[in-house]
């Protein structure tokens, strides 16, 4: 009889231990969630305004580049038409001026690309910070320890867990 009690106690302890481990595993799993951070940034009204600013700036750079290119093309045609009436030395000097103009065009293009990149960073950095802070606030309020970014291309292959994106949208005041 004593052996039966010991056996029953051992079985009960085993089931309790298994049940606790399962509950612990479920609690641990529930402390991880995911969010599509890029979607949140893109839906902020400030992001749309930043995008418009960047498009307008790009148009300005493109217009200037177009003018520079047109001027360079015109100069090249002029040099080509006058080449036969000039000396080799004059043609060489004119060619060097044309190459200097081409280099200036390329440098302007590169500097415009750098300026666009810097402007994009300056405009979006506060938005990423705002979204990150909202994600942290919501995740902490809901008791999550880890938040994975489920934006396409971030490395998360499966995101079937709790998605806090709608909660963060609410926190940010995004109604879409």
N, C-alpha and C. Protein backbone atom coordinates (compact mmCIF):
# COMPACT_ATOMS: atom_id res chain seq x y z
N UNK A 1 0.82 -1.18 0.00
CA UNK A 1 0.00 0.00 0.00
C UNK A 1 0.87 1.26 0.00
N UNK A 2 1.93 1.21 0.79
CA UNK A 2 2.83 2.34 0.87
C UNK A 2 3.47 2.58 -0.49
N UNK A 3 3.76 1.52 -1.22
CA UNK A 3 4.35 1.65 -2.55
C UNK A 3 3.38 2.29 -3.53
N UNK A 4 2.11 1.98 -3.41
CA UNK A 4 1.08 2.56 -4.28
C UNK A 4 0.98 4.06 -4.02
N UNK A 5 1.00 4.47 -2.74
CA UNK A 5 0.95 5.89 -2.40
C UNK A 5 2.17 6.61 -2.97
N UNK A 6 3.33 5.99 -2.86
CA UNK A 6 4.56 6.58 -3.38
C UNK A 6 4.47 6.71 -4.89
N UNK A 7 3.95 5.67 -5.55
CA UNK A 7 3.80 5.70 -7.00
C UNK A 7 2.82 6.79 -7.42
N UNK A 8 1.71 6.91 -6.75
CA UNK A 8 0.71 7.93 -7.07
C UNK A 8 1.30 9.32 -6.83
N UNK A 9 2.02 9.51 -5.75
CA UNK A 9 2.65 10.80 -5.45
C UNK A 9 3.66 11.15 -6.53
N UNK A 10 4.45 10.17 -6.97
CA UNK A 10 5.44 10.41 -8.01
C UNK A 10 4.76 10.80 -9.32
N UNK A 11 3.67 10.13 -9.66
CA UNK A 11 2.94 10.44 -10.90
C UNK A 11 2.34 11.85 -10.81
N UNK A 12 1.76 12.21 -9.67
CA UNK A 12 1.18 13.54 -9.49
C UNK A 12 2.28 14.61 -9.60
N UNK A 13 3.40 14.38 -8.95
CA UNK A 13 4.51 15.34 -9.02
C UNK A 13 5.01 15.46 -10.45
N UNK A 14 5.07 14.34 -11.18
CA UNK A 14 5.52 14.37 -12.56
C UNK A 14 4.55 15.19 -13.42
N UNK A 15 3.27 14.98 -13.27
CA UNK A 15 2.28 15.75 -14.04
C UNK A 15 2.32 17.23 -13.69
N UNK A 16 2.48 17.53 -12.40
CA UNK A 16 2.57 18.93 -11.99
C UNK A 16 3.81 19.60 -12.58
N UNK A 17 4.92 18.86 -12.58
CA UNK A 17 6.16 19.39 -13.14
C UNK A 17 6.01 19.64 -14.64
N UNK A 18 5.41 18.68 -15.32
CA UNK A 18 5.18 18.83 -16.77
C UNK A 18 4.25 20.00 -17.02
N UNK A 19 3.20 20.12 -16.25
CA UNK A 19 2.24 21.22 -16.39
C UNK A 19 2.90 22.56 -16.15
N UNK A 20 3.77 22.65 -15.14
CA UNK A 20 4.47 23.90 -14.84
C UNK A 20 5.43 24.26 -15.97
N UNK A 21 6.14 23.25 -16.48
CA UNK A 21 7.06 23.51 -17.59
C UNK A 21 6.31 24.00 -18.82
N UNK A 22 5.15 23.42 -19.07
CA UNK A 22 4.34 23.84 -20.21
C UNK A 22 3.85 25.27 -19.99
N UNK A 23 3.41 25.58 -18.79
CA UNK A 23 2.94 26.94 -18.49
C UNK A 23 4.09 27.93 -18.61
N UNK A 24 5.28 27.53 -18.11
CA UNK A 24 6.45 28.40 -18.24
C UNK A 24 6.81 28.64 -19.70
N UNK A 25 6.74 27.60 -20.48
CA UNK A 25 7.07 27.72 -21.91
C UNK A 25 6.07 28.63 -22.60
N UNK A 26 4.79 28.50 -22.23
CA UNK A 26 3.78 29.35 -22.83
C UNK A 26 3.98 30.80 -22.40
N UNK A 27 4.31 31.01 -21.14
CA UNK A 27 4.54 32.37 -20.65
C UNK A 27 5.75 32.99 -21.35
N UNK A 28 6.80 32.21 -21.53
CA UNK A 28 7.99 32.70 -22.22
C UNK A 28 7.67 33.04 -23.66
N UNK A 29 6.92 32.17 -24.33
CA UNK A 29 6.58 32.40 -25.72
C UNK A 29 5.70 33.63 -25.87
N UNK A 30 4.87 33.91 -24.88
CA UNK A 30 3.97 35.05 -25.00
C UNK A 30 4.68 36.38 -24.76
N UNK A 31 5.95 36.35 -24.40
CA UNK A 31 6.68 37.58 -24.15
C UNK A 31 7.41 38.09 -25.39
N UNK A 32 7.14 37.47 -26.51
CA UNK A 32 7.73 37.89 -27.78
C UNK A 32 6.60 38.27 -28.72
N UNK A 33 6.74 39.41 -29.36
CA UNK A 33 5.73 39.84 -30.33
C UNK A 33 6.45 40.42 -31.55
N UNK A 34 5.69 40.86 -32.52
CA UNK A 34 6.31 41.44 -33.72
C UNK A 34 5.54 42.68 -34.15
N UNK A 35 6.22 43.50 -34.94
CA UNK A 35 5.63 44.74 -35.43
C UNK A 35 6.24 45.07 -36.79
N UNK A 36 5.45 45.65 -37.66
CA UNK A 36 5.94 46.09 -38.98
C UNK A 36 6.32 47.56 -38.85
N UNK A 37 7.54 47.82 -38.43
CA UNK A 37 7.94 49.20 -38.13
C UNK A 37 7.96 50.10 -39.35
N UNK A 38 8.37 49.58 -40.49
CA UNK A 38 8.43 50.40 -41.70
C UNK A 38 7.02 50.86 -42.10
N UNK A 39 6.06 49.98 -41.96
CA UNK A 39 4.66 50.33 -42.26
C UNK A 39 4.21 51.48 -41.37
N UNK A 40 4.59 51.43 -40.11
CA UNK A 40 4.21 52.49 -39.18
C UNK A 40 4.82 53.82 -39.58
N UNK A 41 6.09 53.82 -39.92
CA UNK A 41 6.76 55.06 -40.32
C UNK A 41 6.09 55.63 -41.57
N UNK A 42 5.83 54.77 -42.55
CA UNK A 42 5.25 55.22 -43.81
C UNK A 42 3.85 55.80 -43.64
N UNK A 43 3.12 55.37 -42.62
CA UNK A 43 1.76 55.84 -42.43
C UNK A 43 1.66 57.11 -41.59
N UNK A 44 2.77 57.55 -41.03
CA UNK A 44 2.74 58.80 -40.28
C UNK A 44 2.51 59.98 -41.23
N UNK A 45 1.68 60.94 -40.85
CA UNK A 45 1.48 62.12 -41.70
C UNK A 45 2.80 62.86 -41.98
N UNK A 46 3.69 62.87 -41.00
CA UNK A 46 4.98 63.54 -41.19
C UNK A 46 5.81 62.86 -42.26
N UNK A 47 5.63 61.55 -42.43
CA UNK A 47 6.39 60.82 -43.46
C UNK A 47 5.92 61.24 -44.84
N UNK A 48 4.64 61.45 -44.98
CA UNK A 48 4.11 61.90 -46.27
C UNK A 48 4.63 63.30 -46.60
N UNK A 49 4.70 64.17 -45.60
CA UNK A 49 5.24 65.51 -45.79
C UNK A 49 6.72 65.45 -46.13
N UNK A 50 7.45 64.56 -45.46
CA UNK A 50 8.88 64.40 -45.74
C UNK A 50 9.10 63.90 -47.16
N UNK A 51 8.25 62.97 -47.58
CA UNK A 51 8.35 62.44 -48.94
C UNK A 51 8.12 63.54 -49.97
N UNK A 52 7.17 64.41 -49.71
CA UNK A 52 6.89 65.53 -50.63
C UNK A 52 8.10 66.47 -50.68
N UNK A 53 8.67 66.76 -49.52
CA UNK A 53 9.86 67.62 -49.49
C UNK A 53 10.99 67.01 -50.31
N UNK A 54 11.18 65.71 -50.16
CA UNK A 54 12.25 65.03 -50.89
C UNK A 54 11.98 65.04 -52.40
N UNK A 55 10.74 64.83 -52.79
CA UNK A 55 10.40 64.88 -54.22
C UNK A 55 10.64 66.27 -54.79
N UNK A 56 10.25 67.31 -54.04
CA UNK A 56 10.46 68.68 -54.50
C UNK A 56 11.95 68.99 -54.62
N UNK A 57 12.72 68.55 -53.67
CA UNK A 57 14.17 68.78 -53.71
C UNK A 57 14.78 68.04 -54.89
N UNK A 58 14.33 66.82 -55.14
CA UNK A 58 14.83 66.04 -56.27
C UNK A 58 14.52 66.74 -57.59
N UNK A 59 13.32 67.31 -57.70
CA UNK A 59 12.95 68.04 -58.92
C UNK A 59 13.87 69.22 -59.14
N UNK A 60 14.21 69.92 -58.07
CA UNK A 60 15.12 71.06 -58.18
C UNK A 60 16.48 70.62 -58.69
N UNK A 61 17.01 69.56 -58.10
CA UNK A 61 18.31 69.04 -58.55
C UNK A 61 18.24 68.56 -60.00
N UNK A 62 17.16 67.87 -60.34
CA UNK A 62 17.01 67.35 -61.71
C UNK A 62 16.94 68.50 -62.72
N UNK A 63 16.24 69.57 -62.35
CA UNK A 63 16.14 70.73 -63.25
C UNK A 63 17.51 71.35 -63.47
N UNK A 64 18.27 71.51 -62.41
CA UNK A 64 19.61 72.09 -62.53
C UNK A 64 20.51 71.18 -63.36
N UNK A 65 20.43 69.88 -63.10
CA UNK A 65 21.23 68.93 -63.89
C UNK A 65 20.83 68.96 -65.36
N UNK A 66 19.55 69.07 -65.61
CA UNK A 66 19.07 69.15 -66.99
C UNK A 66 19.60 70.39 -67.70
N UNK A 67 19.59 71.52 -67.00
CA UNK A 67 20.12 72.76 -67.58
C UNK A 67 21.61 72.63 -67.85
N UNK A 68 22.33 72.06 -66.89
CA UNK A 68 23.78 71.89 -67.06
C UNK A 68 24.08 70.98 -68.25
N UNK A 69 23.32 69.90 -68.36
CA UNK A 69 23.53 68.95 -69.45
C UNK A 69 23.21 69.59 -70.80
N UNK A 70 22.12 70.34 -70.85
CA UNK A 70 21.72 71.01 -72.09
C UNK A 70 22.81 72.00 -72.52
N UNK A 71 23.32 72.75 -71.57
CA UNK A 71 24.39 73.71 -71.85
C UNK A 71 25.64 73.00 -72.35
N UNK A 72 25.95 71.88 -71.76
CA UNK A 72 27.13 71.10 -72.16
C UNK A 72 26.93 70.54 -73.57
N UNK A 73 25.75 70.05 -73.86
CA UNK A 73 25.46 69.52 -75.20
C UNK A 73 25.57 70.63 -76.25
N UNK A 74 25.04 71.79 -75.92
CA UNK A 74 25.10 72.92 -76.84
C UNK A 74 26.55 73.32 -77.11
N UNK A 75 27.33 73.35 -76.05
CA UNK A 75 28.74 73.71 -76.19
C UNK A 75 29.47 72.67 -77.04
N UNK A 76 29.15 71.40 -76.84
CA UNK A 76 29.79 70.34 -77.61
C UNK A 76 29.46 70.47 -79.10
N UNK A 77 28.19 70.76 -79.40
CA UNK A 77 27.80 70.95 -80.80
C UNK A 77 28.50 72.16 -81.42
N UNK A 78 28.60 73.22 -80.64
CA UNK A 78 29.28 74.43 -81.13
C UNK A 78 30.76 74.13 -81.40
N UNK A 79 31.40 73.41 -80.50
CA UNK A 79 32.81 73.08 -80.68
C UNK A 79 33.00 72.18 -81.90
N UNK A 80 32.08 71.28 -82.10
CA UNK A 80 32.16 70.37 -83.24
C UNK A 80 32.04 71.15 -84.55
N UNK A 81 31.12 72.10 -84.59
CA UNK A 81 30.93 72.87 -85.82
C UNK A 81 32.10 73.81 -86.11
N UNK A 82 32.79 74.26 -85.08
CA UNK A 82 33.92 75.19 -85.27
C UNK A 82 35.27 74.49 -85.34
N UNK A 83 35.28 73.20 -85.14
CA UNK A 83 36.54 72.46 -85.06
C UNK A 83 37.40 72.61 -86.30
N UNK A 84 36.79 72.60 -87.46
CA UNK A 84 37.56 72.67 -88.70
C UNK A 84 38.20 74.04 -88.93
N UNK A 85 37.62 75.08 -88.36
CA UNK A 85 38.15 76.44 -88.56
C UNK A 85 39.16 76.84 -87.50
N UNK A 86 39.39 76.01 -86.50
CA UNK A 86 40.32 76.32 -85.41
C UNK A 86 41.58 75.48 -85.53
N UNK A 87 42.60 75.96 -84.84
CA UNK A 87 43.87 75.21 -84.81
C UNK A 87 43.72 74.04 -83.84
N UNK A 88 44.64 73.10 -83.92
CA UNK A 88 44.63 71.94 -83.02
C UNK A 88 44.74 72.38 -81.57
N UNK A 89 45.53 73.40 -81.33
CA UNK A 89 45.71 73.91 -79.97
C UNK A 89 44.40 74.50 -79.44
N UNK A 90 43.70 75.25 -80.25
CA UNK A 90 42.41 75.83 -79.84
C UNK A 90 41.37 74.72 -79.61
N UNK A 91 41.38 73.73 -80.49
CA UNK A 91 40.46 72.61 -80.32
C UNK A 91 40.77 71.83 -79.05
N UNK A 92 42.05 71.64 -78.76
CA UNK A 92 42.45 70.92 -77.54
C UNK A 92 41.99 71.69 -76.30
N UNK A 93 42.17 72.99 -76.29
CA UNK A 93 41.75 73.84 -75.16
C UNK A 93 40.22 73.77 -75.01
N UNK A 94 39.51 73.85 -76.12
CA UNK A 94 38.05 73.78 -76.08
C UNK A 94 37.58 72.42 -75.57
N UNK A 95 38.27 71.36 -75.99
CA UNK A 95 37.95 70.01 -75.53
C UNK A 95 38.16 69.89 -74.02
N UNK A 96 39.24 70.48 -73.53
CA UNK A 96 39.50 70.44 -72.08
C UNK A 96 38.43 71.20 -71.30
N UNK A 97 37.96 72.31 -71.87
CA UNK A 97 36.87 73.06 -71.23
C UNK A 97 35.59 72.20 -71.19
N UNK A 98 35.36 71.50 -72.29
CA UNK A 98 34.20 70.62 -72.35
C UNK A 98 34.30 69.50 -71.31
N UNK A 99 35.49 68.92 -71.16
CA UNK A 99 35.71 67.86 -70.17
C UNK A 99 35.56 68.42 -68.74
N UNK A 100 36.01 69.65 -68.53
CA UNK A 100 35.86 70.29 -67.22
C UNK A 100 34.37 70.48 -66.91
N UNK A 101 33.59 70.86 -67.91
CA UNK A 101 32.15 71.00 -67.74
C UNK A 101 31.49 69.67 -67.42
N UNK A 102 31.95 68.61 -68.08
CA UNK A 102 31.42 67.26 -67.82
C UNK A 102 31.75 66.84 -66.39
N UNK A 103 32.96 67.13 -65.95
CA UNK A 103 33.36 66.79 -64.59
C UNK A 103 32.52 67.57 -63.57
N UNK A 104 32.27 68.83 -63.86
CA UNK A 104 31.45 69.67 -62.98
C UNK A 104 30.03 69.10 -62.88
N UNK A 105 29.50 68.64 -64.00
CA UNK A 105 28.17 68.03 -64.02
C UNK A 105 28.14 66.77 -63.15
N UNK A 106 29.15 65.93 -63.30
CA UNK A 106 29.22 64.70 -62.51
C UNK A 106 29.37 65.00 -61.01
N UNK A 107 30.18 66.00 -60.68
CA UNK A 107 30.37 66.36 -59.28
C UNK A 107 29.07 66.91 -58.68
N UNK A 108 28.36 67.69 -59.47
CA UNK A 108 27.07 68.23 -59.00
C UNK A 108 26.08 67.09 -58.76
N UNK A 109 26.08 66.13 -59.68
CA UNK A 109 25.19 64.97 -59.52
C UNK A 109 25.51 64.23 -58.23
N UNK A 110 26.79 63.96 -57.99
CA UNK A 110 27.19 63.24 -56.78
C UNK A 110 26.84 64.03 -55.52
N UNK A 111 27.11 65.32 -55.54
CA UNK A 111 26.80 66.13 -54.35
C UNK A 111 25.29 66.21 -54.13
N UNK A 112 24.52 66.24 -55.22
CA UNK A 112 23.06 66.28 -55.07
C UNK A 112 22.56 64.96 -54.47
N UNK A 113 23.16 63.84 -54.86
CA UNK A 113 22.77 62.56 -54.30
C UNK A 113 23.09 62.49 -52.81
N UNK A 114 24.27 63.00 -52.44
CA UNK A 114 24.65 63.03 -51.03
C UNK A 114 23.71 63.94 -50.24
N UNK A 115 23.40 65.09 -50.81
CA UNK A 115 22.50 66.03 -50.13
C UNK A 115 21.11 65.42 -49.95
N UNK A 116 20.64 64.70 -50.98
CA UNK A 116 19.34 64.04 -50.88
C UNK A 116 19.35 62.98 -49.77
N UNK A 117 20.42 62.21 -49.72
CA UNK A 117 20.54 61.19 -48.67
C UNK A 117 20.56 61.80 -47.29
N UNK A 118 21.29 62.88 -47.14
CA UNK A 118 21.37 63.56 -45.83
C UNK A 118 20.01 64.16 -45.46
N UNK A 119 19.35 64.76 -46.42
CA UNK A 119 18.03 65.36 -46.16
C UNK A 119 17.03 64.27 -45.75
N UNK A 120 17.10 63.13 -46.43
CA UNK A 120 16.21 62.00 -46.10
C UNK A 120 16.46 61.56 -44.66
N UNK A 121 17.73 61.42 -44.30
CA UNK A 121 18.09 61.02 -42.94
C UNK A 121 17.58 62.05 -41.94
N UNK A 122 17.80 63.33 -42.23
CA UNK A 122 17.37 64.39 -41.31
C UNK A 122 15.86 64.40 -41.12
N UNK A 123 15.12 64.13 -42.20
CA UNK A 123 13.66 64.16 -42.11
C UNK A 123 13.09 62.91 -41.44
N UNK A 124 13.69 61.75 -41.69
CA UNK A 124 13.11 60.50 -41.20
C UNK A 124 13.61 60.07 -39.82
N UNK A 125 14.77 60.53 -39.42
CA UNK A 125 15.32 60.12 -38.12
C UNK A 125 14.35 60.38 -36.96
N UNK A 126 13.74 61.56 -36.88
CA UNK A 126 12.80 61.77 -35.77
C UNK A 126 11.55 60.88 -35.88
N UNK A 127 11.18 60.52 -37.10
CA UNK A 127 10.01 59.65 -37.26
C UNK A 127 10.32 58.24 -36.78
N UNK A 128 11.51 57.73 -37.13
CA UNK A 128 11.91 56.41 -36.65
C UNK A 128 12.00 56.40 -35.12
N UNK A 129 12.49 57.49 -34.56
CA UNK A 129 12.60 57.59 -33.10
C UNK A 129 11.20 57.57 -32.47
N UNK A 130 10.29 58.32 -33.06
CA UNK A 130 8.91 58.37 -32.54
C UNK A 130 8.26 57.00 -32.59
N UNK A 131 8.43 56.29 -33.69
CA UNK A 131 7.85 54.95 -33.84
C UNK A 131 8.50 53.99 -32.85
N UNK A 132 9.83 54.04 -32.73
CA UNK A 132 10.53 53.15 -31.80
C UNK A 132 10.04 53.38 -30.37
N UNK A 133 9.87 54.64 -29.97
CA UNK A 133 9.40 54.94 -28.61
C UNK A 133 7.97 54.44 -28.40
N UNK A 134 7.13 54.57 -29.42
CA UNK A 134 5.75 54.08 -29.31
C UNK A 134 5.74 52.56 -29.21
N UNK A 135 6.58 51.90 -30.00
CA UNK A 135 6.68 50.43 -29.94
C UNK A 135 7.10 49.99 -28.55
N UNK A 136 8.12 50.65 -28.01
CA UNK A 136 8.59 50.29 -26.67
C UNK A 136 7.51 50.51 -25.62
N UNK A 137 6.80 51.61 -25.71
CA UNK A 137 5.74 51.92 -24.75
C UNK A 137 4.64 50.86 -24.78
N UNK A 138 4.18 50.53 -25.99
CA UNK A 138 3.10 49.55 -26.14
C UNK A 138 3.57 48.17 -25.70
N UNK A 139 4.76 47.78 -26.12
CA UNK A 139 5.28 46.44 -25.77
C UNK A 139 5.42 46.30 -24.26
N UNK A 140 5.95 47.33 -23.62
CA UNK A 140 6.10 47.27 -22.16
C UNK A 140 4.74 47.22 -21.47
N UNK A 141 3.79 48.01 -21.96
CA UNK A 141 2.45 48.04 -21.36
C UNK A 141 1.76 46.68 -21.50
N UNK A 142 2.06 45.96 -22.56
CA UNK A 142 1.44 44.65 -22.79
C UNK A 142 2.28 43.51 -22.22
N UNK A 143 3.42 43.84 -21.61
CA UNK A 143 4.23 42.82 -20.94
C UNK A 143 5.17 42.04 -21.83
N UNK A 144 5.52 42.56 -22.99
CA UNK A 144 6.44 41.87 -23.88
C UNK A 144 7.88 42.24 -23.55
N UNK A 145 8.74 41.24 -23.64
CA UNK A 145 10.16 41.45 -23.38
C UNK A 145 10.94 41.70 -24.67
N UNK A 146 10.46 41.12 -25.77
CA UNK A 146 11.15 41.22 -27.05
C UNK A 146 10.15 41.58 -28.15
N UNK A 147 10.60 42.45 -29.06
CA UNK A 147 9.79 42.82 -30.21
C UNK A 147 10.63 42.58 -31.45
N UNK A 148 10.11 41.73 -32.34
CA UNK A 148 10.78 41.46 -33.61
C UNK A 148 10.19 42.36 -34.67
N UNK A 149 11.02 42.84 -35.57
CA UNK A 149 10.53 43.67 -36.68
C UNK A 149 10.15 42.74 -37.82
N UNK A 150 8.87 42.71 -38.16
CA UNK A 150 8.39 41.82 -39.21
C UNK A 150 8.29 42.50 -40.57
N UNK A 151 8.91 43.68 -40.71
CA UNK A 151 8.96 44.34 -42.01
C UNK A 151 9.67 43.42 -42.99
N UNK A 152 9.15 43.32 -44.20
CA UNK A 152 9.74 42.45 -45.22
C UNK A 152 11.22 42.77 -45.39
N UNK A 153 12.02 41.72 -45.39
CA UNK A 153 13.45 41.87 -45.60
C UNK A 153 14.26 42.05 -44.33
N UNK A 154 13.63 41.97 -43.16
CA UNK A 154 14.36 42.17 -41.91
C UNK A 154 14.89 40.88 -41.32
N UNK A 155 14.56 39.76 -41.92
CA UNK A 155 15.08 38.50 -41.42
C UNK A 155 14.05 37.65 -40.70
N UNK A 156 12.90 38.20 -40.34
CA UNK A 156 11.86 37.42 -39.69
C UNK A 156 11.14 36.63 -40.79
N UNK A 157 11.20 35.33 -40.67
CA UNK A 157 10.61 34.47 -41.70
C UNK A 157 9.17 34.12 -41.37
N UNK A 158 8.86 33.97 -40.11
CA UNK A 158 7.51 33.63 -39.69
C UNK A 158 7.12 34.56 -38.57
N UNK A 159 5.96 35.18 -38.69
CA UNK A 159 5.49 36.11 -37.67
C UNK A 159 4.02 35.79 -37.35
N UNK A 160 3.81 34.62 -36.76
CA UNK A 160 2.45 34.22 -36.40
C UNK A 160 2.09 34.65 -34.98
N UNK A 161 3.04 35.15 -34.23
CA UNK A 161 2.78 35.55 -32.86
C UNK A 161 1.96 36.83 -32.80
N UNK A 162 1.93 37.41 -31.64
CA UNK A 162 1.13 38.61 -31.41
C UNK A 162 1.73 39.78 -32.19
N UNK A 163 0.90 40.44 -32.98
CA UNK A 163 1.32 41.59 -33.78
C UNK A 163 0.86 42.85 -33.07
N UNK A 164 1.81 43.66 -32.60
CA UNK A 164 1.45 44.89 -31.89
C UNK A 164 1.32 46.08 -32.83
N UNK A 165 1.44 45.86 -34.13
CA UNK A 165 1.33 46.97 -35.09
C UNK A 165 0.03 47.77 -34.90
N UNK A 166 -1.14 47.12 -34.80
CA UNK A 166 -2.37 47.90 -34.60
C UNK A 166 -2.36 48.71 -33.30
N UNK A 167 -1.78 48.14 -32.25
CA UNK A 167 -1.71 48.84 -30.97
C UNK A 167 -0.80 50.07 -31.07
N UNK A 168 0.31 49.92 -31.79
CA UNK A 168 1.24 51.04 -31.95
C UNK A 168 0.62 52.10 -32.85
N UNK A 169 -0.12 51.68 -33.87
CA UNK A 169 -0.83 52.66 -34.72
C UNK A 169 -1.77 53.51 -33.86
N UNK A 170 -2.46 52.83 -32.95
CA UNK A 170 -3.38 53.55 -32.05
C UNK A 170 -2.58 54.53 -31.19
N UNK A 171 -1.45 54.10 -30.68
CA UNK A 171 -0.60 54.95 -29.85
C UNK A 171 -0.11 56.17 -30.63
N UNK A 172 0.20 55.98 -31.91
CA UNK A 172 0.70 57.06 -32.76
C UNK A 172 -0.42 57.92 -33.35
N UNK A 173 -1.65 57.48 -33.19
CA UNK A 173 -2.79 58.23 -33.72
C UNK A 173 -3.03 57.98 -35.20
N UNK A 174 -2.52 56.86 -35.71
CA UNK A 174 -2.74 56.50 -37.12
C UNK A 174 -4.06 55.78 -37.21
N UNK A 175 -4.94 56.25 -38.07
CA UNK A 175 -6.29 55.69 -38.15
C UNK A 175 -6.49 54.79 -39.35
N UNK A 176 -5.52 54.62 -40.16
CA UNK A 176 -5.66 53.81 -41.39
C UNK A 176 -5.66 52.35 -41.07
